[in-house]
N, C-alpha and C. Protein backbone atom coordinates (compact mmCIF):
# COMPACT_ATOMS: atom_id res chain seq x y z
N MET A 1 -135.01 146.12 36.49
CA MET A 1 -136.21 146.92 36.27
C MET A 1 -135.88 148.25 35.59
N VAL A 2 -134.75 148.84 35.92
CA VAL A 2 -134.35 150.10 35.32
C VAL A 2 -134.09 149.90 33.83
N LYS A 3 -133.50 148.78 33.47
CA LYS A 3 -133.18 148.49 32.08
C LYS A 3 -134.46 148.36 31.24
N ILE A 4 -135.48 147.71 31.79
CA ILE A 4 -136.75 147.53 31.08
C ILE A 4 -137.43 148.89 30.88
N GLU A 5 -137.37 149.75 31.88
CA GLU A 5 -137.96 151.09 31.75
C GLU A 5 -137.25 151.88 30.66
N LYS A 6 -135.93 151.73 30.60
CA LYS A 6 -135.14 152.44 29.60
C LYS A 6 -135.50 151.94 28.20
N ILE A 7 -135.66 150.63 28.06
CA ILE A 7 -136.01 150.03 26.77
C ILE A 7 -137.39 150.50 26.32
N THR A 8 -138.35 150.51 27.23
CA THR A 8 -139.70 150.96 26.86
C THR A 8 -139.71 152.45 26.50
N LYS A 9 -138.91 153.23 27.21
CA LYS A 9 -138.83 154.65 26.89
C LYS A 9 -138.21 154.86 25.51
N ILE A 10 -137.18 154.08 25.20
CA ILE A 10 -136.51 154.19 23.89
C ILE A 10 -137.47 153.81 22.76
N THR A 11 -138.17 152.68 22.93
CA THR A 11 -139.11 152.25 21.88
C THR A 11 -140.26 153.25 21.73
N LYS A 12 -140.70 153.80 22.84
CA LYS A 12 -141.77 154.80 22.77
C LYS A 12 -141.31 156.04 22.01
N LEU A 13 -140.12 156.52 22.32
CA LEU A 13 -139.60 157.71 21.65
C LEU A 13 -139.38 157.46 20.16
N PHE A 14 -138.92 156.25 19.80
CA PHE A 14 -138.63 155.95 18.40
C PHE A 14 -139.89 155.69 17.59
N TYR A 15 -140.78 154.83 18.10
CA TYR A 15 -141.93 154.39 17.31
C TYR A 15 -143.15 155.31 17.44
N GLU A 16 -143.33 155.96 18.58
CA GLU A 16 -144.51 156.78 18.77
C GLU A 16 -144.23 158.27 18.50
N GLN A 17 -143.08 158.74 18.97
CA GLN A 17 -142.75 160.15 18.76
C GLN A 17 -141.86 160.35 17.53
N HIS A 18 -141.43 159.28 16.93
CA HIS A 18 -140.65 159.27 15.68
C HIS A 18 -139.36 160.09 15.77
N LEU A 19 -138.68 159.96 16.91
CA LEU A 19 -137.39 160.63 17.05
C LEU A 19 -136.29 159.78 16.43
N ARG A 20 -135.18 160.44 16.07
CA ARG A 20 -134.04 159.71 15.51
C ARG A 20 -133.21 159.10 16.64
N PRO A 21 -132.48 158.05 16.35
CA PRO A 21 -131.64 157.43 17.38
C PRO A 21 -130.66 158.40 18.02
N THR A 22 -130.10 159.32 17.25
CA THR A 22 -129.16 160.29 17.83
C THR A 22 -129.85 161.22 18.84
N ASP A 23 -131.08 161.62 18.51
CA ASP A 23 -131.82 162.48 19.43
C ASP A 23 -132.20 161.73 20.71
N ILE A 24 -132.58 160.47 20.55
CA ILE A 24 -132.93 159.65 21.71
C ILE A 24 -131.70 159.44 22.59
N ALA A 25 -130.56 159.18 21.95
CA ALA A 25 -129.31 158.96 22.70
C ALA A 25 -128.94 160.19 23.52
N LYS A 26 -129.09 161.36 22.95
CA LYS A 26 -128.79 162.59 23.69
C LYS A 26 -129.75 162.79 24.84
N GLN A 27 -131.02 162.47 24.60
CA GLN A 27 -132.05 162.69 25.62
C GLN A 27 -131.86 161.74 26.81
N ILE A 28 -131.56 160.49 26.53
CA ILE A 28 -131.44 159.49 27.59
C ILE A 28 -130.04 159.45 28.19
N GLY A 29 -129.04 159.77 27.37
CA GLY A 29 -127.67 159.78 27.87
C GLY A 29 -126.94 158.47 27.64
N VAL A 30 -127.26 157.81 26.56
CA VAL A 30 -126.57 156.56 26.19
C VAL A 30 -126.05 156.71 24.76
N GLY A 31 -125.30 155.70 24.30
CA GLY A 31 -124.75 155.75 22.97
C GLY A 31 -125.79 155.47 21.89
N LYS A 32 -125.53 155.96 20.71
CA LYS A 32 -126.43 155.77 19.58
C LYS A 32 -126.50 154.29 19.20
N SER A 33 -125.38 153.60 19.28
CA SER A 33 -125.37 152.18 18.93
C SER A 33 -126.26 151.36 19.87
N TYR A 34 -126.32 151.75 21.13
CA TYR A 34 -127.20 151.06 22.09
C TYR A 34 -128.66 151.24 21.69
N ILE A 35 -129.01 152.45 21.31
CA ILE A 35 -130.38 152.74 20.87
C ILE A 35 -130.71 151.92 19.64
N THR A 36 -129.80 151.88 18.68
CA THR A 36 -130.02 151.14 17.44
C THR A 36 -130.22 149.65 17.71
N LYS A 37 -129.44 149.10 18.60
CA LYS A 37 -129.59 147.67 18.95
C LYS A 37 -130.98 147.39 19.49
N ILE A 38 -131.44 148.25 20.36
CA ILE A 38 -132.74 148.02 20.99
C ILE A 38 -133.87 148.14 19.97
N ILE A 39 -133.84 149.15 19.14
CA ILE A 39 -134.95 149.33 18.20
C ILE A 39 -134.93 148.29 17.08
N GLN A 40 -133.77 147.75 16.75
CA GLN A 40 -133.70 146.73 15.70
C GLN A 40 -134.30 145.40 16.17
N LYS A 41 -134.34 145.18 17.47
CA LYS A 41 -134.91 143.93 17.99
C LYS A 41 -136.43 143.93 17.97
N ASP A 42 -137.02 145.09 17.85
CA ASP A 42 -138.48 145.21 17.85
C ASP A 42 -139.05 144.75 16.50
N LYS A 43 -140.28 144.20 16.54
CA LYS A 43 -140.93 143.70 15.32
C LYS A 43 -141.27 144.83 14.35
N ARG A 44 -141.54 145.99 14.86
CA ARG A 44 -141.99 147.11 14.05
C ARG A 44 -140.85 147.81 13.30
N TYR A 45 -139.61 147.39 13.53
CA TYR A 45 -138.45 148.13 13.02
C TYR A 45 -138.44 148.24 11.49
N ILE A 46 -138.62 147.12 10.78
CA ILE A 46 -138.55 147.13 9.31
C ILE A 46 -139.65 148.01 8.73
N GLU A 47 -140.84 147.88 9.27
CA GLU A 47 -141.96 148.70 8.80
C GLU A 47 -141.69 150.18 9.04
N GLU A 48 -141.17 150.50 10.21
CA GLU A 48 -140.85 151.89 10.56
C GLU A 48 -139.74 152.44 9.66
N LYS A 49 -138.75 151.62 9.40
CA LYS A 49 -137.63 152.01 8.57
C LYS A 49 -138.11 152.34 7.14
N GLU A 50 -138.98 151.48 6.59
CA GLU A 50 -139.52 151.72 5.25
C GLU A 50 -140.38 152.99 5.23
N SER A 51 -141.16 153.18 6.27
CA SER A 51 -142.01 154.36 6.37
C SER A 51 -141.17 155.63 6.41
N ARG A 52 -140.10 155.62 7.18
CA ARG A 52 -139.24 156.80 7.28
C ARG A 52 -138.50 157.05 5.97
N ALA A 53 -138.10 155.99 5.29
CA ALA A 53 -137.44 156.15 4.00
C ALA A 53 -138.40 156.78 2.99
N LYS A 54 -139.65 156.34 3.01
CA LYS A 54 -140.66 156.89 2.10
C LYS A 54 -140.90 158.38 2.40
N GLU A 55 -141.01 158.72 3.67
CA GLU A 55 -141.19 160.12 4.07
C GLU A 55 -140.00 160.97 3.64
N SER A 56 -138.81 160.41 3.78
CA SER A 56 -137.60 161.13 3.40
C SER A 56 -137.59 161.41 1.89
N LYS A 57 -137.98 160.42 1.09
CA LYS A 57 -138.04 160.62 -0.36
C LYS A 57 -139.05 161.71 -0.72
N GLU A 58 -140.18 161.71 -0.04
CA GLU A 58 -141.19 162.74 -0.30
C GLU A 58 -140.67 164.13 0.05
N ARG A 59 -139.97 164.24 1.18
CA ARG A 59 -139.39 165.52 1.58
C ARG A 59 -138.34 165.98 0.56
N GLN A 60 -137.55 165.03 0.06
CA GLN A 60 -136.54 165.37 -0.95
C GLN A 60 -137.20 165.88 -2.23
N LYS A 61 -138.31 165.25 -2.62
CA LYS A 61 -139.04 165.70 -3.82
C LYS A 61 -139.54 167.13 -3.64
N VAL A 62 -140.10 167.40 -2.47
CA VAL A 62 -140.63 168.73 -2.20
C VAL A 62 -139.49 169.76 -2.20
N CYS A 63 -138.39 169.43 -1.56
CA CYS A 63 -137.25 170.35 -1.51
C CYS A 63 -136.70 170.60 -2.91
N LYS A 64 -136.60 169.55 -3.72
CA LYS A 64 -136.09 169.70 -5.08
C LYS A 64 -137.03 170.56 -5.91
N ARG A 65 -138.33 170.35 -5.76
CA ARG A 65 -139.32 171.13 -6.48
C ARG A 65 -139.22 172.61 -6.07
N ASN A 66 -139.08 172.86 -4.77
CA ASN A 66 -138.94 174.24 -4.29
C ASN A 66 -137.66 174.88 -4.82
N TYR A 67 -136.58 174.11 -4.83
CA TYR A 67 -135.30 174.62 -5.33
C TYR A 67 -135.42 175.01 -6.80
N ILE A 68 -136.03 174.14 -7.60
CA ILE A 68 -136.19 174.40 -9.03
C ILE A 68 -137.07 175.63 -9.25
N ASN A 69 -138.17 175.72 -8.51
CA ASN A 69 -139.07 176.88 -8.65
C ASN A 69 -138.37 178.17 -8.26
N ASN A 70 -137.58 178.14 -7.18
CA ASN A 70 -136.85 179.33 -6.75
C ASN A 70 -135.80 179.73 -7.79
N LYS A 71 -135.14 178.73 -8.35
CA LYS A 71 -134.12 179.00 -9.37
C LYS A 71 -134.77 179.61 -10.61
N ARG A 72 -135.90 179.07 -11.04
CA ARG A 72 -136.60 179.63 -12.20
C ARG A 72 -137.03 181.07 -11.92
N HIS A 73 -137.53 181.31 -10.72
CA HIS A 73 -137.96 182.66 -10.35
C HIS A 73 -136.77 183.61 -10.39
N GLN A 74 -135.63 183.18 -9.84
CA GLN A 74 -134.43 184.02 -9.83
C GLN A 74 -133.96 184.31 -11.25
N GLU A 75 -134.02 183.30 -12.12
CA GLU A 75 -133.63 183.51 -13.51
C GLU A 75 -134.54 184.51 -14.20
N LYS A 76 -135.85 184.45 -13.89
CA LYS A 76 -136.79 185.41 -14.47
C LYS A 76 -136.48 186.82 -13.98
N VAL A 77 -136.16 186.96 -12.70
CA VAL A 77 -135.83 188.27 -12.15
C VAL A 77 -134.58 188.82 -12.82
N GLU A 78 -133.56 187.97 -12.97
CA GLU A 78 -132.32 188.41 -13.62
C GLU A 78 -132.57 188.77 -15.08
N TYR A 79 -133.40 187.98 -15.75
CA TYR A 79 -133.71 188.25 -17.15
C TYR A 79 -134.44 189.59 -17.30
N LYS A 80 -135.41 189.85 -16.41
CA LYS A 80 -136.13 191.12 -16.46
C LYS A 80 -135.19 192.30 -16.19
N ALA A 81 -134.25 192.11 -15.25
CA ALA A 81 -133.29 193.18 -14.97
C ALA A 81 -132.40 193.42 -16.18
N MET A 82 -132.01 192.36 -16.87
CA MET A 82 -131.19 192.50 -18.06
C MET A 82 -131.96 193.24 -19.16
N LEU A 83 -133.23 192.87 -19.36
CA LEU A 83 -134.05 193.56 -20.37
C LEU A 83 -134.22 195.04 -20.03
N LYS A 84 -134.39 195.33 -18.75
CA LYS A 84 -134.52 196.72 -18.32
C LYS A 84 -133.26 197.50 -18.66
N GLN A 85 -132.10 196.90 -18.39
CA GLN A 85 -130.83 197.57 -18.68
C GLN A 85 -130.64 197.74 -20.19
N ILE A 86 -131.04 196.75 -20.96
CA ILE A 86 -130.95 196.84 -22.42
C ILE A 86 -131.82 197.99 -22.93
N ASN A 87 -133.03 198.10 -22.39
CA ASN A 87 -133.93 199.19 -22.79
C ASN A 87 -133.35 200.56 -22.44
N ILE A 88 -132.74 200.66 -21.27
CA ILE A 88 -132.11 201.92 -20.88
C ILE A 88 -130.97 202.26 -21.83
N ASP A 89 -130.15 201.27 -22.13
CA ASP A 89 -129.02 201.48 -23.05
C ASP A 89 -129.51 201.84 -24.44
N ASN A 90 -130.53 201.15 -24.91
CA ASN A 90 -131.08 201.46 -26.24
C ASN A 90 -131.63 202.88 -26.31
N GLU A 91 -132.31 203.28 -25.26
CA GLU A 91 -132.87 204.63 -25.22
C GLU A 91 -131.76 205.66 -25.26
N TYR A 92 -130.72 205.41 -24.48
CA TYR A 92 -129.58 206.34 -24.45
C TYR A 92 -128.89 206.41 -25.81
N LEU A 93 -128.66 205.27 -26.39
CA LEU A 93 -127.95 205.21 -27.67
C LEU A 93 -128.78 205.79 -28.81
N SER A 94 -130.08 205.69 -28.71
CA SER A 94 -130.92 206.19 -29.81
C SER A 94 -131.13 207.70 -29.74
N THR A 95 -130.86 208.32 -28.60
CA THR A 95 -131.10 209.75 -28.47
C THR A 95 -129.85 210.58 -28.70
N LYS A 96 -128.68 210.01 -28.58
CA LYS A 96 -127.44 210.77 -28.74
C LYS A 96 -126.71 210.34 -29.99
N LYS A 97 -126.10 211.30 -30.64
CA LYS A 97 -125.30 210.99 -31.82
C LYS A 97 -123.92 210.48 -31.41
N GLU A 98 -123.37 211.05 -30.35
CA GLU A 98 -122.05 210.65 -29.87
C GLU A 98 -122.16 210.24 -28.42
N ILE A 99 -121.34 209.26 -28.04
CA ILE A 99 -121.31 208.90 -26.62
C ILE A 99 -119.92 209.22 -26.10
N SER A 100 -119.86 209.48 -24.82
CA SER A 100 -118.58 209.83 -24.22
C SER A 100 -117.69 208.59 -24.13
N ASP A 101 -116.40 208.85 -23.98
CA ASP A 101 -115.46 207.74 -23.85
C ASP A 101 -115.76 206.91 -22.60
N ASN A 102 -116.16 207.60 -21.53
CA ASN A 102 -116.49 206.88 -20.29
C ASN A 102 -117.69 205.96 -20.49
N ASP A 103 -118.71 206.47 -21.18
CA ASP A 103 -119.89 205.63 -21.43
C ASP A 103 -119.54 204.44 -22.33
N PHE A 104 -118.71 204.68 -23.34
CA PHE A 104 -118.30 203.58 -24.21
C PHE A 104 -117.54 202.54 -23.40
N ALA A 105 -116.64 203.00 -22.54
CA ALA A 105 -115.86 202.07 -21.71
C ALA A 105 -116.77 201.32 -20.75
N LYS A 106 -117.81 202.00 -20.28
CA LYS A 106 -118.75 201.36 -19.36
C LYS A 106 -119.51 200.23 -20.05
N TRP A 107 -119.92 200.45 -21.31
CA TRP A 107 -120.67 199.43 -22.03
C TRP A 107 -119.78 198.34 -22.61
N ASN A 108 -118.51 198.62 -22.75
CA ASN A 108 -117.57 197.65 -23.32
C ASN A 108 -116.42 197.41 -22.36
N ARG A 109 -116.75 197.20 -21.11
CA ARG A 109 -115.76 197.10 -20.03
C ARG A 109 -114.76 195.98 -20.28
N GLY A 110 -115.16 194.91 -20.94
CA GLY A 110 -114.26 193.78 -21.17
C GLY A 110 -113.13 194.13 -22.12
N MET A 111 -113.24 195.23 -22.84
CA MET A 111 -112.19 195.64 -23.78
C MET A 111 -111.05 196.38 -23.09
N TYR A 112 -111.29 196.85 -21.87
CA TYR A 112 -110.32 197.71 -21.20
C TYR A 112 -109.75 197.05 -19.95
N GLU A 113 -108.51 197.46 -19.63
CA GLU A 113 -107.86 197.08 -18.38
C GLU A 113 -107.62 198.34 -17.58
N TYR A 114 -107.63 198.21 -16.27
CA TYR A 114 -107.40 199.37 -15.40
C TYR A 114 -105.91 199.51 -15.14
N ASP A 115 -105.39 200.69 -15.36
CA ASP A 115 -103.99 201.00 -15.10
C ASP A 115 -103.92 201.71 -13.75
N LYS A 116 -103.37 201.02 -12.75
CA LYS A 116 -103.34 201.56 -11.39
C LYS A 116 -102.45 202.80 -11.28
N ASN A 117 -101.42 202.87 -12.08
CA ASN A 117 -100.48 204.00 -11.99
C ASN A 117 -101.12 205.31 -12.44
N SER A 118 -101.88 205.26 -13.51
CA SER A 118 -102.44 206.51 -14.06
C SER A 118 -103.94 206.66 -13.82
N SER A 119 -104.59 205.66 -13.25
CA SER A 119 -106.04 205.64 -13.04
C SER A 119 -106.80 205.74 -14.36
N ASP A 120 -106.22 205.20 -15.41
CA ASP A 120 -106.86 205.20 -16.72
C ASP A 120 -107.32 203.80 -17.07
N LEU A 121 -108.28 203.73 -17.98
CA LEU A 121 -108.65 202.46 -18.59
C LEU A 121 -107.92 202.39 -19.92
N VAL A 122 -107.20 201.28 -20.13
CA VAL A 122 -106.38 201.14 -21.33
C VAL A 122 -106.92 199.96 -22.13
N LEU A 123 -106.99 200.13 -23.45
CA LEU A 123 -107.48 199.08 -24.33
C LEU A 123 -106.58 197.85 -24.21
N ARG A 124 -107.18 196.68 -24.07
CA ARG A 124 -106.41 195.44 -23.93
C ARG A 124 -105.64 195.15 -25.21
N ASN A 125 -104.54 194.43 -25.06
CA ASN A 125 -103.75 194.02 -26.22
C ASN A 125 -104.52 193.02 -27.06
N GLY A 126 -104.36 193.11 -28.36
CA GLY A 126 -104.98 192.15 -29.26
C GLY A 126 -106.38 192.50 -29.70
N ILE A 127 -106.91 193.62 -29.25
CA ILE A 127 -108.25 194.03 -29.65
C ILE A 127 -108.12 195.07 -30.76
N ASN A 128 -108.67 194.77 -31.91
CA ASN A 128 -108.63 195.68 -33.05
C ASN A 128 -109.91 196.51 -33.08
N VAL A 129 -109.75 197.83 -33.10
CA VAL A 129 -110.90 198.73 -33.11
C VAL A 129 -110.70 199.81 -34.16
N GLY A 130 -111.75 200.53 -34.44
CA GLY A 130 -111.69 201.63 -35.40
C GLY A 130 -110.96 202.83 -34.82
N TYR A 131 -110.73 203.84 -35.67
CA TYR A 131 -109.97 205.02 -35.27
C TYR A 131 -110.70 205.86 -34.23
N ASN A 132 -112.03 205.79 -34.21
CA ASN A 132 -112.78 206.65 -33.30
C ASN A 132 -112.99 206.05 -31.91
N VAL A 133 -112.43 204.87 -31.65
CA VAL A 133 -112.53 204.26 -30.32
C VAL A 133 -111.29 204.64 -29.52
N SER A 134 -111.51 205.14 -28.32
CA SER A 134 -110.40 205.58 -27.47
C SER A 134 -109.55 204.40 -27.04
N LYS A 135 -108.25 204.58 -27.18
CA LYS A 135 -107.30 203.55 -26.72
C LYS A 135 -107.07 203.68 -25.22
N ARG A 136 -107.30 204.88 -24.71
CA ARG A 136 -107.11 205.17 -23.29
C ARG A 136 -108.23 206.10 -22.85
N VAL A 137 -108.89 205.74 -21.73
CA VAL A 137 -109.92 206.60 -21.16
C VAL A 137 -109.35 207.19 -19.89
N SER A 138 -109.14 208.50 -19.89
CA SER A 138 -108.45 209.18 -18.79
C SER A 138 -109.42 209.62 -17.71
N ASN A 139 -108.82 210.01 -16.60
CA ASN A 139 -109.52 210.59 -15.46
C ASN A 139 -110.57 209.66 -14.86
N VAL A 140 -110.28 208.39 -14.83
CA VAL A 140 -111.17 207.44 -14.15
C VAL A 140 -110.69 207.41 -12.71
N VAL A 141 -111.39 208.11 -11.86
CA VAL A 141 -110.98 208.22 -10.46
C VAL A 141 -111.19 206.91 -9.73
N ASN A 142 -112.36 206.35 -9.87
CA ASN A 142 -112.68 205.10 -9.18
C ASN A 142 -113.13 204.09 -10.23
N PRO A 143 -112.36 203.02 -10.43
CA PRO A 143 -112.73 202.06 -11.47
C PRO A 143 -113.95 201.23 -11.11
N ASN A 144 -114.38 201.25 -9.86
CA ASN A 144 -115.52 200.43 -9.44
C ASN A 144 -116.83 200.90 -10.04
N TRP A 145 -116.92 202.16 -10.44
CA TRP A 145 -118.17 202.62 -11.05
C TRP A 145 -118.35 202.05 -12.44
N ILE A 146 -117.27 201.58 -13.03
CA ILE A 146 -117.37 200.92 -14.34
C ILE A 146 -117.13 199.44 -14.09
N LYS A 147 -118.17 198.73 -13.79
CA LYS A 147 -118.06 197.31 -13.50
C LYS A 147 -118.45 196.51 -14.72
N ALA A 148 -117.82 195.35 -14.84
CA ALA A 148 -118.21 194.45 -15.93
C ALA A 148 -119.61 193.96 -15.65
N LYS A 149 -120.44 193.96 -16.65
CA LYS A 149 -121.83 193.50 -16.49
C LYS A 149 -121.85 191.99 -16.35
N VAL A 150 -122.70 191.49 -15.48
CA VAL A 150 -122.88 190.05 -15.34
C VAL A 150 -123.72 189.58 -16.50
N ARG A 151 -123.24 188.61 -17.21
CA ARG A 151 -123.96 188.10 -18.36
C ARG A 151 -124.81 186.92 -17.95
N VAL A 152 -126.05 186.94 -18.34
CA VAL A 152 -126.99 185.87 -18.05
C VAL A 152 -127.20 185.09 -19.33
N ASN A 153 -126.89 183.79 -19.30
CA ASN A 153 -127.11 182.96 -20.48
C ASN A 153 -128.57 182.62 -20.59
N VAL A 154 -129.15 182.91 -21.72
CA VAL A 154 -130.58 182.66 -21.92
C VAL A 154 -130.74 181.54 -22.90
């Protein structure tokens, strides 16, 4: 009699409350394989299995759609931030005749390497520049304020 009650409880939890076999196994205190054996013997098993597979596909579609929408939104935010920075840089460059070595190094960070011994930014080897470009930018106390800009591929 106890076994029949357990079987009815398992089928009720699986088919009516739509719990997973692992959740049922934890709740009742038996193995997952025992639960699977019992539910596979029921007539409703194939229909329930197809129904759950269909629901799972629908959930995956929704999750994928949300992921794509979030990614597009993030790309738009990054693009707007990049445009804002470009506008700031353009405004700065259009108002001044000369820019400081630090500002040049900030905008062209990939051209320089940080020298830990002297706290200077030194022009990388193999980069050919004009006479008015500093080969060494001195007095850089903290190199973290001159960070390489993250490039967003558009």
